[in-house]
């Protein structure tokens, strides 16, 4: 009898995949796997709902959400691919995001109204959102459970043993044991797998140095009403998007959840991110340090007059950490378990979804054929390390550029181009997949000479990214002036073959960019007549796909 009971317990607690962490990564991957017949266990030391940062989407985030929903037949995910869908089906506590805004400040000087930058999300595909994560994460978790994922919240893993031939045994603090053929760790910095197998890269290879303090506040005023904003000529209101106040040594995010009529959430996410080598952490409490910062930048302070934090400030040490290895025998680290750079440019969620998409089909196939070999998952290692390095290069370059507006004005264009053109790559693939229903479309995307790059097919784009990093590094070392570095970056963009010249993104005066219908029309002509063959057809397909989705009311 004892043997039968033991066997029954073993069978009852045997899973194909155990996922550590039930946030965005764990919830979405759990839903994908469970929907496709994989026996999934989701373990988390905490519960839902709960506070989380990573609250701002970019077009690539929404596009990847649609890809995952269609590719893996999880229609509930489509609601998360647009602000309209989120408001209707997930939560009215989320804000809209119509733009990425940047206002440059110099301590002790009035804000120059010409020193602003903005990228407007085209009105035809205005899908982006400020995610109130406690609602969104709960939604994803419940979708996963609805498809049959086995949830175990309030369950902390104390030890993991992995046998390359048999899989993993996971032990909890309460003495329970679970068995799984494969473990995906999306838990965060204190990753059980990273600690167990000593996977952290020490010191991290990241060039970026930053720390942050953040909270949610009530009473934050729209910056558009500030005296400093009266002469700004940006095409879209600051309050309708994610606002970044940037200055030498750091940046401040303002992510309102109350910036549209349907919102029922008065909160605003606020975070101050600083280079600790310029602004060292000295133990000052978060609110006191934030107030001291505002005292040095009174034009930013206007926005926070009367504002109150509704939860304790979180104040971190250095944010950057990395892993020397993220894929091993029977396991993979993903999301923030693998590494982190900085919240700048909202790449965290996008990178998470990239990895969910790459892991999904591999785990589904392994659950069916029993091949859990490390070789099958080797691309995920290449992808995650590439995403980490690309983001690090961009954020490092940006922090260097924060010391001089001309350089920042140039580096900002390289981010704009990566954001726009990366989305083109994705929407082109999605369009072709919807027409062919062939998995080969996505498999081809994995055959990349530059993993982690948003536009791997363009030598010119990737040369621009490398040039930007190298020039900013030379500025950092004092061998190149910021003005000279800015000139060379803009010159490279002006001569680029991967973007329509009519956009004038290589001109110093193009501080803000709004893809108006007129610009879209000019771009269509360029795509057909002058664009390189690896760019033009992709842009045309991406436009067709987005128009089709808009007409079908999917975005």
Protein backbone atom coordinates (compact mmCIF):
# COMPACT_ATOMS: atom_id res chain seq x y z
CA UNK A 1 0.00 0.00 0.00
CA UNK A 2 2.81 2.42 0.86
CA UNK A 3 4.37 1.81 -2.57
CA UNK A 4 1.08 2.50 -4.37
CA UNK A 5 0.56 5.68 -2.36
CA UNK A 6 4.08 6.85 -3.19
CA UNK A 7 3.60 6.13 -6.87
CA UNK A 8 0.28 7.98 -6.89
CA UNK A 9 1.85 11.01 -5.22
CA UNK A 10 4.75 10.98 -7.70
CA UNK A 11 2.40 10.76 -10.67
CA UNK A 12 0.12 13.45 -9.26
CA UNK A 13 2.99 15.90 -8.84
CA UNK A 14 4.87 15.20 -12.08
CA UNK A 15 4.80 18.01 -14.66
CA UNK A 16 6.23 18.65 -18.07
CA UNK A 17 7.25 22.22 -17.17
CA UNK A 18 7.56 23.98 -13.83
CA UNK A 19 7.55 27.80 -14.06
CA UNK A 20 9.01 29.80 -11.19
CA UNK A 21 7.26 33.16 -10.96
CA UNK A 22 3.71 34.12 -11.93
CA UNK A 23 4.31 37.63 -13.29
CA UNK A 24 4.12 38.62 -16.95
CA UNK A 25 6.61 35.99 -18.11
CA UNK A 26 5.23 33.15 -16.00
CA UNK A 27 1.59 33.93 -16.65
CA UNK A 28 1.94 34.32 -20.41
CA UNK A 29 4.18 31.30 -20.86
CA UNK A 30 1.93 29.25 -18.59
CA UNK A 31 -1.10 30.18 -20.69
CA UNK A 32 0.71 29.31 -23.95
CA UNK A 33 1.85 25.92 -22.68
CA UNK A 34 -1.34 24.88 -20.94
CA UNK A 35 -3.43 25.88 -23.96
CA UNK A 36 -1.32 23.52 -26.07
CA UNK A 37 -1.60 20.49 -23.81
CA UNK A 38 1.56 20.86 -21.73
CA UNK A 39 1.22 19.87 -18.07
CA UNK A 40 2.34 23.07 -16.31
CA UNK A 41 3.06 23.97 -12.70
CA UNK A 42 3.31 27.68 -11.79
CA UNK A 43 5.06 28.32 -8.47
CA UNK A 44 5.35 31.69 -6.78
CA UNK A 45 6.43 32.81 -3.33
CA UNK A 46 3.86 35.61 -3.42
CA UNK A 47 0.21 36.09 -4.36
CA UNK A 48 -1.96 38.21 -6.67
CA UNK A 49 -2.76 41.08 -6.89
CA UNK A 50 0.60 42.72 -6.22
CA UNK A 51 2.65 45.76 -7.13
CA UNK A 52 5.12 45.48 -10.01
CA UNK A 53 7.00 47.88 -12.27
CA UNK A 54 7.54 47.48 -16.00
CA UNK A 55 4.41 49.43 -16.78
CA UNK A 56 4.89 50.93 -20.23
CA UNK A 57 4.46 49.14 -23.56
CA UNK A 58 6.00 49.91 -26.95
CA UNK A 59 4.57 48.95 -30.37
CA UNK A 60 6.80 45.87 -30.45
CA UNK A 61 5.28 44.73 -27.13
CA UNK A 62 1.77 44.93 -28.53
CA UNK A 63 2.81 43.34 -31.81
CA UNK A 64 4.51 40.44 -30.05
CA UNK A 65 1.40 39.94 -27.90
CA UNK A 66 -0.67 39.53 -31.08
CA UNK A 67 1.92 37.15 -32.51
CA UNK A 68 1.87 34.95 -29.41
CA UNK A 69 -1.94 35.01 -29.26
CA UNK A 70 -2.25 33.89 -32.90
CA UNK A 71 0.72 31.54 -33.05
CA UNK A 72 -0.23 29.64 -29.90
CA UNK A 73 -4.03 29.95 -30.18
CA UNK A 74 -4.58 31.90 -26.97
CA UNK A 75 -7.22 34.47 -27.97
CA UNK A 76 -7.42 35.92 -24.46
CA UNK A 77 -4.00 37.49 -25.05
CA UNK A 78 -5.32 39.67 -27.88
CA UNK A 79 -6.99 41.95 -25.34
CA UNK A 80 -3.52 42.85 -24.05
CA UNK A 81 -2.32 43.99 -27.47
CA UNK A 82 -4.16 47.31 -27.45
CA UNK A 83 -5.24 49.97 -25.00
CA UNK A 84 -8.81 49.56 -26.21
CA UNK A 85 -8.74 45.83 -25.55
CA UNK A 86 -7.19 46.22 -22.12
CA UNK A 87 -9.76 48.81 -21.06
CA UNK A 88 -12.64 46.67 -22.31
CA UNK A 89 -11.55 43.20 -21.13
CA UNK A 90 -8.75 43.46 -18.58
CA UNK A 91 -8.79 46.63 -16.49
CA UNK A 92 -9.90 50.25 -16.57
CA UNK A 93 -7.03 51.04 -14.21
CA UNK A 94 -4.54 51.31 -17.10
CA UNK A 95 -3.48 54.48 -18.87
CA UNK A 96 -3.06 55.28 -22.54
CA UNK A 97 0.29 55.78 -24.25
CA UNK A 98 0.22 57.89 -27.38
CA UNK A 99 3.83 59.03 -27.27
CA UNK A 100 7.32 58.66 -25.83
CA UNK A 101 8.29 62.10 -24.51
CA UNK A 102 11.67 63.45 -23.37
CA UNK A 103 12.31 66.85 -21.78
CA UNK A 104 15.95 67.80 -21.24
CA UNK A 105 16.98 69.74 -18.11
CA UNK A 106 20.13 71.41 -16.85
CA UNK A 107 20.52 71.89 -13.12
CA UNK A 108 20.55 75.60 -12.28
CA UNK A 109 19.25 76.69 -15.73
CA UNK A 110 15.83 77.32 -17.20
CA UNK A 111 14.57 74.54 -19.44
CA UNK A 112 15.27 75.33 -23.11
CA UNK A 113 12.00 74.75 -25.04
CA UNK A 114 14.02 73.59 -28.06
CA UNK A 115 15.56 70.77 -26.04
CA UNK A 116 12.72 68.29 -26.19
CA UNK A 117 12.17 65.05 -28.11
CA UNK A 118 9.05 63.05 -28.81
CA UNK A 119 8.11 59.97 -30.81
CA UNK A 120 4.38 59.78 -31.44
CA UNK A 121 2.68 56.42 -31.91
CA UNK A 122 0.88 56.67 -35.29
CA UNK A 123 -2.80 57.38 -34.83
CA UNK A 124 -3.67 54.52 -37.20
CA UNK A 125 -2.13 51.97 -34.80
CA UNK A 126 -2.49 53.75 -31.47
CA UNK A 127 -2.40 50.67 -29.26
CA UNK A 128 0.04 51.37 -26.44
CA UNK A 129 -0.75 51.28 -22.75
CA UNK A 130 0.45 52.18 -19.28
CA UNK A 131 -0.09 48.84 -17.57
CA UNK A 132 -1.40 48.74 -14.03
CA UNK A 133 0.56 45.60 -13.45
CA UNK A 134 -1.35 44.15 -10.52
CA UNK A 135 -4.42 43.85 -12.76
CA UNK A 136 -2.58 42.71 -15.89
CA UNK A 137 -0.47 40.11 -14.10
CA UNK A 138 -3.55 38.72 -12.35
CA UNK A 139 -5.36 38.49 -15.67
CA UNK A 140 -2.53 36.52 -17.29
CA UNK A 141 -2.20 34.22 -14.29
CA UNK A 142 -5.91 33.45 -14.38
CA UNK A 143 -5.82 32.80 -18.13
CA UNK A 144 -3.06 30.25 -17.52
CA UNK A 145 -5.01 28.59 -14.71
CA UNK A 146 -8.14 28.62 -16.87
CA UNK A 147 -6.33 26.53 -19.47
CA UNK A 148 -5.24 24.01 -16.85
CA UNK A 149 -1.96 25.28 -15.42
CA UNK A 150 -1.60 24.10 -11.82
CA UNK A 151 -1.08 27.13 -9.52
CA UNK A 152 0.86 27.10 -6.29
CA UNK A 153 1.07 30.59 -4.79
CA UNK A 154 2.59 31.38 -1.40
CA UNK A 155 5.03 28.57 -2.17
CA UNK A 156 8.73 29.31 -1.92
CA UNK A 157 11.24 26.92 -3.48
CA UNK A 158 14.08 26.07 -1.12
CA UNK A 159 16.08 23.71 -3.32
CA UNK A 160 16.21 22.28 -6.83
CA UNK A 161 17.97 19.12 -7.99
CA UNK A 162 18.32 18.47 -11.70
CA UNK A 163 19.12 15.15 -13.34
CA UNK A 164 19.89 15.63 -17.06
CA UNK A 165 18.18 12.33 -17.83
CA UNK A 166 15.15 12.52 -15.54
CA UNK A 167 14.39 16.21 -15.00
CA UNK A 168 14.06 18.34 -11.88
CA UNK A 169 12.93 17.85 -8.31
CA UNK A 170 11.75 21.07 -6.66
CA UNK A 171 11.46 21.24 -2.89
CA UNK A 172 9.48 23.82 -1.01
CA UNK A 173 10.06 25.35 2.41
CA UNK A 174 7.05 23.36 3.60
CA UNK A 175 8.71 20.08 2.64
CA UNK A 176 6.69 19.36 -0.48
CA UNK A 177 8.32 17.98 -3.63
CA UNK A 178 7.36 18.56 -7.26
CA UNK A 179 8.88 16.93 -10.31
CA UNK A 180 9.14 18.41 -13.77
CA UNK A 181 10.85 17.49 -16.99
CA UNK A 182 11.95 21.12 -17.42
CA UNK A 183 12.18 24.26 -15.27
CA UNK A 184 11.69 27.84 -16.50
CA UNK A 185 12.83 30.41 -13.97
CA UNK A 186 11.15 33.79 -14.43
CA UNK A 187 11.30 34.76 -10.79
CA UNK A 188 13.69 37.73 -10.79
CA UNK A 189 17.08 38.74 -9.43
CA UNK A 190 17.01 36.17 -6.60
CA UNK A 191 16.54 33.37 -9.08
CA UNK A 192 16.69 29.96 -7.37
CA UNK A 193 18.40 28.48 -10.43
CA UNK A 194 20.94 31.30 -10.70
CA UNK A 195 21.82 30.80 -7.03
CA UNK A 196 21.85 27.00 -7.22
CA UNK A 197 24.17 26.82 -10.22
CA UNK A 198 26.09 30.07 -9.56
CA UNK A 199 25.06 31.55 -12.91
CA UNK A 200 25.48 35.23 -12.07
CA UNK A 201 28.20 37.02 -14.00
CA UNK A 202 30.33 38.78 -11.36
CA UNK A 203 31.03 41.51 -12.07
CA UNK A 204 28.33 42.03 -14.65
CA UNK A 205 29.50 42.83 -18.16
CA UNK A 206 26.93 45.65 -18.38
CA UNK A 207 28.39 49.06 -19.17
CA UNK A 208 25.32 50.82 -17.80
CA UNK A 209 25.47 51.98 -14.17
CA UNK A 210 22.19 53.04 -12.59
CA UNK A 211 20.09 52.75 -9.47
CA UNK A 212 16.49 53.80 -8.95
CA UNK A 213 13.83 54.82 -6.46
CA UNK A 214 10.18 54.48 -7.38
CA UNK A 215 6.61 54.47 -6.13
CA UNK A 216 3.03 55.20 -7.12
CA UNK A 217 1.75 58.70 -6.39
CA UNK A 218 -1.53 60.55 -6.38
CA UNK A 219 -1.91 64.20 -7.37
CA UNK A 220 0.83 64.35 -10.04
CA UNK A 221 -0.02 67.21 -12.39
CA UNK A 222 0.16 66.99 -16.22
CA UNK A 223 3.43 68.57 -17.30
CA UNK A 224 1.67 70.24 -20.24
CA UNK A 225 0.28 72.79 -17.75
CA UNK A 226 3.71 73.58 -16.29
CA UNK A 227 5.20 77.03 -16.95
CA UNK A 228 8.25 75.32 -18.47
CA UNK A 229 6.07 73.59 -21.08
CA UNK A 230 4.25 76.66 -22.42
CA UNK A 231 6.64 77.09 -25.36
CA UNK A 232 7.03 73.43 -26.20
CA UNK A 233 6.06 72.51 -29.75
CA UNK A 234 5.81 68.72 -29.47
CA UNK A 235 3.04 67.20 -31.64
CA UNK A 236 1.23 65.30 -28.86
CA UNK A 237 0.48 66.26 -25.22
CA UNK A 238 3.11 65.02 -22.77
CA UNK A 239 0.37 63.72 -20.48
CA UNK A 240 -0.94 61.38 -23.20
CA UNK A 241 2.19 59.27 -23.06
CA UNK A 242 5.23 58.25 -21.03
CA UNK A 243 7.22 61.33 -20.01
CA UNK A 244 10.94 61.15 -19.35
CA UNK A 245 12.68 64.10 -17.68
CA UNK A 246 16.37 63.63 -18.60
CA UNK A 247 19.44 65.35 -17.15
CA UNK A 248 23.14 64.74 -16.65
CA UNK A 249 23.40 61.54 -14.64
CA UNK A 250 19.88 60.20 -14.90
CA UNK A 251 16.24 60.37 -15.83
CA UNK A 252 12.81 60.49 -14.20
CA UNK A 253 9.78 58.57 -15.48
CA UNK A 254 6.19 59.77 -15.19
CA UNK A 255 3.62 57.13 -16.20
CA UNK A 256 0.04 58.30 -15.56
CA UNK A 257 -2.80 55.81 -15.31
CA UNK A 258 -5.48 58.55 -15.29
CA UNK A 259 -4.79 60.18 -18.67
CA UNK A 260 -7.98 59.23 -20.51
CA UNK A 261 -11.70 59.61 -19.73
CA UNK A 262 -12.40 55.90 -19.15
CA UNK A 263 -9.74 55.41 -16.48
CA UNK A 264 -10.86 54.85 -12.90
CA UNK A 265 -7.30 54.95 -11.51
CA UNK A 266 -5.95 58.22 -10.06
CA UNK A 267 -2.43 56.89 -9.62
CA UNK A 268 0.78 57.75 -11.43
CA UNK A 269 3.95 55.67 -11.52
CA UNK A 270 7.04 57.75 -10.71
CA UNK A 271 10.65 56.64 -10.74
CA UNK A 272 13.96 58.46 -10.43
CA UNK A 273 16.91 56.63 -12.00
CA UNK A 274 20.44 57.84 -11.29
CA UNK A 275 24.02 56.96 -12.14
CA UNK A 276 25.43 56.12 -8.67
CA UNK A 277 28.89 57.28 -9.74
CA UNK A 278 27.46 60.79 -10.16
CA UNK A 279 24.65 60.58 -7.61
CA UNK A 280 25.83 58.05 -4.99
CA UNK A 281 23.39 56.34 -2.68
CA UNK A 282 23.98 57.50 0.90
CA UNK A 283 21.14 55.90 2.83
CA UNK A 284 18.79 58.89 2.57
CA UNK A 285 15.14 57.72 2.71
CA UNK A 286 13.41 57.62 -0.67
CA UNK A 287 10.97 60.50 -0.14
CA UNK A 288 13.72 62.70 1.27
CA UNK A 289 16.04 61.95 -1.64
CA UNK A 290 13.25 62.62 -4.16
CA UNK A 291 12.43 65.94 -2.49
CA UNK A 292 16.11 66.93 -2.55
CA UNK A 293 16.23 66.13 -6.28
CA UNK A 294 13.15 68.26 -6.95
CA UNK A 295 14.73 71.14 -5.06
CA UNK A 296 17.58 71.09 -7.59
CA UNK A 297 15.18 70.98 -10.56
CA UNK A 298 12.30 73.36 -9.71
CA UNK A 299 10.77 73.15 -13.20
CA UNK A 300 10.32 69.41 -12.75
CA UNK A 301 9.16 70.00 -9.18
CA UNK A 302 6.13 71.93 -10.46
CA UNK A 303 4.63 68.63 -11.63
CA UNK A 304 4.82 67.16 -8.12
CA UNK A 305 3.53 70.06 -6.04
CA UNK A 306 0.88 68.52 -3.80
CA UNK A 307 1.60 64.97 -5.00
CA UNK A 308 1.77 62.20 -2.41
CA UNK A 309 3.26 58.72 -2.50
CA UNK A 310 0.62 56.08 -1.78
CA UNK A 311 3.06 53.28 -1.07
CA UNK A 312 6.56 53.20 0.43
CA UNK A 313 9.38 54.25 -1.88
CA UNK A 314 11.58 51.42 -3.15
CA UNK A 315 15.24 52.43 -3.32
CA UNK A 316 17.64 50.03 -5.04
CA UNK A 317 21.35 49.57 -5.38
CA UNK A 318 22.87 49.12 -8.82
CA UNK A 319 20.22 47.69 -11.12
CA UNK A 320 22.43 45.87 -13.60
CA UNK A 321 23.06 42.15 -13.31
CA UNK A 322 23.62 39.41 -15.85
CA UNK A 323 24.06 35.67 -16.21
CA UNK A 324 27.02 33.93 -17.80
CA UNK A 325 24.60 31.20 -18.83
CA UNK A 326 20.79 31.16 -19.06
CA UNK A 327 20.13 27.76 -20.64
CA UNK A 328 21.36 24.49 -19.13
CA UNK A 329 20.39 20.88 -18.73
CA UNK A 330 16.62 20.87 -18.24
CA UNK A 331 16.32 24.57 -17.35
CA UNK A 332 16.17 28.10 -18.69
CA UNK A 333 16.30 31.48 -16.99
CA UNK A 334 14.06 34.09 -18.53
CA UNK A 335 12.75 37.55 -17.86
CA UNK A 336 14.45 39.24 -14.90
CA UNK A 337 15.89 35.98 -13.66
CA UNK A 338 18.33 36.15 -16.59
CA UNK A 339 19.41 39.78 -16.24
CA UNK A 340 18.39 43.42 -16.19
CA UNK A 341 19.71 46.74 -17.51
CA UNK A 342 17.37 49.68 -16.85
CA UNK A 343 13.73 50.66 -17.37
CA UNK A 344 14.73 53.25 -19.99
CA UNK A 345 12.90 52.66 -23.31
CA UNK A 346 10.54 50.08 -21.80
CA UNK A 347 12.40 47.11 -23.28
CA UNK A 348 11.85 44.76 -20.34
CA UNK A 349 8.38 43.55 -21.32
CA UNK A 350 9.37 43.30 -24.97
CA UNK A 351 12.40 41.16 -24.21
CA UNK A 352 10.26 38.97 -21.95
CA UNK A 353 7.78 38.32 -24.75
CA UNK A 354 10.56 37.62 -27.25
CA UNK A 355 11.75 34.83 -24.99
CA UNK A 356 8.24 33.50 -24.32
CA UNK A 357 7.73 33.27 -28.09
CA UNK A 358 11.04 31.45 -28.59
CA UNK A 359 10.51 29.08 -25.65
CA UNK A 360 6.88 28.28 -26.35
CA UNK A 361 7.15 26.06 -29.40
CA UNK A 362 10.28 24.34 -28.11
CA UNK A 363 8.64 23.38 -24.82
CA UNK A 364 5.47 22.22 -26.58
CA UNK A 365 7.51 20.04 -28.95
CA UNK A 366 9.61 18.65 -26.10
CA UNK A 367 6.52 17.69 -24.12
CA UNK A 368 5.36 15.68 -27.13
CA UNK A 369 8.55 13.98 -28.25
CA UNK A 370 10.48 13.83 -24.95
CA UNK A 371 13.55 15.63 -26.32
CA UNK A 372 14.55 18.06 -23.57
CA UNK A 373 18.14 18.35 -24.76
CA UNK A 374 20.06 21.55 -24.17
CA UNK A 375 20.69 21.76 -27.92
CA UNK A 376 16.99 22.21 -28.59
CA UNK A 377 16.99 25.37 -26.43
CA UNK A 378 20.38 26.76 -27.44
CA UNK A 379 18.85 29.59 -29.50
CA UNK A 380 17.17 30.93 -26.36
CA UNK A 381 20.63 31.39 -24.84
CA UNK A 382 21.82 33.31 -27.90
CA UNK A 383 18.67 35.40 -28.02
CA UNK A 384 18.62 36.43 -24.37
CA UNK A 385 22.29 37.34 -24.28
CA UNK A 386 21.88 39.33 -27.49
CA UNK A 387 18.87 41.22 -26.16
CA UNK A 388 20.78 42.04 -22.99
CA UNK A 389 23.80 43.38 -24.88
CA UNK A 390 21.78 45.42 -27.37
CA UNK A 391 19.79 47.10 -24.62
CA UNK A 392 22.91 47.71 -22.57
CA UNK A 393 24.64 49.41 -25.51
CA UNK A 394 21.64 51.70 -26.05
CA UNK A 395 21.11 52.63 -22.41
CA UNK A 396 24.83 53.10 -21.75
CA UNK A 397 25.03 55.40 -24.78
CA UNK A 398 22.00 57.32 -23.54
CA UNK A 399 23.44 57.90 -20.07
CA UNK A 400 26.64 59.23 -21.67
CA UNK A 401 24.51 61.42 -23.94
CA UNK A 402 22.53 62.86 -21.02
CA UNK A 403 25.51 65.11 -20.27
CA UNK A 404 25.06 67.10 -23.53
CA UNK A 405 21.80 67.81 -25.34
CA UNK A 406 23.26 67.71 -28.85
CA UNK A 407 24.59 64.21 -28.23
CA UNK A 408 21.35 63.14 -26.57
CA UNK A 409 19.41 64.54 -29.53
CA UNK A 410 21.45 62.28 -31.83
CA UNK A 411 21.42 59.13 -29.68
CA UNK A 412 17.67 59.49 -29.27
CA UNK A 413 17.29 59.04 -33.05
CA UNK A 414 19.04 55.68 -32.92
CA UNK A 415 16.49 54.54 -30.34
CA UNK A 416 13.63 55.90 -32.48
CA UNK A 417 14.86 53.99 -35.51
CA UNK A 418 15.28 50.75 -33.58
CA UNK A 419 11.80 51.04 -32.12
CA UNK A 420 10.11 51.77 -35.43
CA UNK A 421 12.05 49.34 -37.61
CA UNK A 422 11.97 46.51 -35.11
CA UNK A 423 8.21 46.73 -35.18
CA UNK A 424 8.32 46.56 -38.99
CA UNK A 425 10.22 43.26 -38.81
CA UNK A 426 7.67 41.79 -36.44
CA UNK A 427 4.55 43.02 -38.23
CA UNK A 428 5.92 41.76 -41.56
CA UNK A 429 6.39 38.29 -40.07
CA UNK A 430 2.93 38.36 -38.50
CA UNK A 431 1.36 39.39 -41.81
CA UNK A 432 3.06 36.54 -43.66
CA UNK A 433 2.12 34.07 -40.92
CA UNK A 434 -1.54 35.05 -41.11
CA UNK A 435 -1.51 34.43 -44.84
CA UNK A 436 0.41 31.14 -44.80
CA UNK A 437 -0.15 29.80 -41.25
CA UNK A 438 3.37 28.47 -41.61
CA UNK A 439 5.60 28.20 -38.55
CA UNK A 440 8.54 28.60 -40.91
CA UNK A 441 7.93 32.36 -40.96
CA UNK A 442 8.94 32.61 -37.31
CA UNK A 443 11.68 29.99 -37.57
CA UNK A 444 13.33 32.17 -40.23
CA UNK A 445 13.41 35.11 -37.79
CA UNK A 446 15.58 33.00 -35.50
CA UNK A 447 18.21 32.60 -38.22
CA UNK A 448 19.75 35.96 -37.35
CA UNK A 449 23.36 37.07 -37.76
CA UNK A 450 22.82 39.70 -35.06
CA UNK A 451 20.67 38.15 -32.29
CA UNK A 452 19.04 40.77 -30.12
CA UNK A 453 19.06 43.46 -32.83
CA UNK A 454 15.61 44.80 -33.73
CA UNK A 455 16.65 44.98 -37.41
CA UNK A 456 19.14 42.17 -38.03
CA UNK A 457 18.65 42.26 -41.82
CA UNK A 458 20.17 45.74 -42.20
CA UNK A 459 23.93 46.14 -42.12
CA UNK A 460 23.49 49.90 -42.03
CA UNK A 461 21.27 49.82 -38.96
CA UNK A 462 23.58 47.53 -37.04
CA UNK A 463 26.59 49.62 -38.06
CA UNK A 464 24.76 52.67 -36.69
CA UNK A 465 24.18 50.92 -33.37
CA UNK A 466 27.84 49.94 -33.10
CA UNK A 467 29.01 53.41 -34.13
CA UNK A 468 26.78 55.04 -31.52
CA UNK A 469 28.15 52.85 -28.74
CA UNK A 470 31.76 53.35 -29.83
CA UNK A 471 31.40 57.13 -30.10
CA UNK A 472 29.68 57.40 -26.73
CA UNK A 473 32.38 55.26 -25.20
CA UNK A 474 35.02 57.62 -26.60
CA UNK A 475 33.07 60.59 -25.19
CA UNK A 476 33.00 58.80 -21.85
CA UNK A 477 36.76 58.32 -22.05
CA UNK A 478 37.34 61.96 -23.03
CA UNK A 479 38.80 61.27 -26.48
CA UNK A 480 35.86 62.62 -28.51
CA UNK A 481 33.76 65.70 -27.84
CA UNK A 482 29.99 65.26 -27.46
CA UNK A 483 29.39 67.64 -30.39
CA UNK A 484 31.66 65.64 -32.69
CA UNK A 485 30.04 62.37 -31.67
CA UNK A 486 26.59 63.84 -32.33
CA UNK A 487 27.67 65.09 -35.75
CA UNK A 488 28.97 61.68 -36.80
CA UNK A 489 25.86 59.82 -35.60
CA UNK A 490 23.53 62.17 -37.48
CA UNK A 491 25.71 61.97 -40.57
CA UNK A 492 25.44 58.18 -40.52
CA UNK A 493 21.64 58.44 -40.26
CA UNK A 494 21.45 60.99 -43.11
CA UNK A 495 23.35 58.61 -45.38
CA UNK A 496 21.42 55.53 -44.26
CA UNK A 497 19.65 53.30 -46.76
CA UNK A 498 17.31 51.75 -44.18
CA UNK A 499 14.99 54.72 -43.58
CA UNK A 500 13.14 57.07 -45.92
CA UNK A 501 15.17 60.30 -46.44
CA UNK A 502 11.92 62.29 -46.33
CA UNK A 503 11.67 61.55 -42.59
CA UNK A 504 14.77 63.75 -42.07
CA UNK A 505 15.77 61.82 -38.98
CA UNK A 506 19.40 62.67 -39.68
CA UNK A 507 18.71 66.40 -39.40
CA UNK A 508 19.44 68.04 -36.07
CA UNK A 509 16.14 69.97 -36.20
CA UNK A 510 14.02 66.80 -36.26
CA UNK A 511 13.62 66.62 -32.51
CA UNK A 512 10.12 65.13 -32.66
CA UNK A 513 8.71 62.59 -35.05
CA UNK A 514 5.07 61.94 -35.84
CA UNK A 515 4.25 59.38 -38.55
CA UNK A 516 1.48 61.46 -40.14
CA UNK A 517 -0.61 60.15 -43.08
CA UNK A 518 1.47 62.33 -45.41
CA UNK A 519 4.69 60.75 -44.15
CA UNK A 520 3.16 57.30 -44.44
CA UNK A 521 2.32 58.03 -48.07
CA UNK A 522 5.88 59.21 -48.79
CA UNK A 523 7.22 56.13 -47.06
CA UNK A 524 5.07 53.88 -49.24
CA UNK A 525 6.51 55.47 -52.38
CA UNK A 526 10.07 55.09 -51.05
CA UNK A 527 9.42 51.45 -50.17
CA UNK A 528 8.40 50.64 -53.73
CA UNK A 529 10.99 52.73 -55.56
CA UNK A 530 14.15 53.25 -53.54
CA UNK A 531 14.22 51.13 -50.40
CA UNK A 532 16.72 48.26 -50.23
CA UNK A 533 15.14 44.85 -50.92
CA UNK A 534 15.49 43.70 -47.31
CA UNK A 535 13.52 46.76 -46.10
CA UNK A 536 10.90 47.85 -48.65
CA UNK A 537 8.80 44.67 -48.92
CA UNK A 538 8.82 44.24 -45.14
CA UNK A 539 7.50 47.77 -44.61
CA UNK A 540 4.76 47.22 -47.19
CA UNK A 541 3.68 43.95 -45.57
CA UNK A 542 3.76 45.51 -42.10
CA UNK A 543 1.51 48.36 -43.26
CA UNK A 544 -0.93 45.94 -44.90
CA UNK A 545 -1.10 43.82 -41.79
CA UNK A 546 -1.72 46.76 -39.47
CA UNK A 547 -4.41 48.19 -41.76
CA UNK A 548 -6.09 44.79 -41.91
CA UNK A 549 -6.10 44.51 -38.12
CA UNK A 550 -7.44 48.05 -37.74
CA UNK A 551 -10.27 47.32 -40.21
CA UNK A 552 -11.09 44.06 -38.45
CA UNK A 553 -11.24 45.96 -35.14
CA UNK A 554 -8.44 43.83 -33.63
CA UNK A 555 -6.40 46.88 -32.55
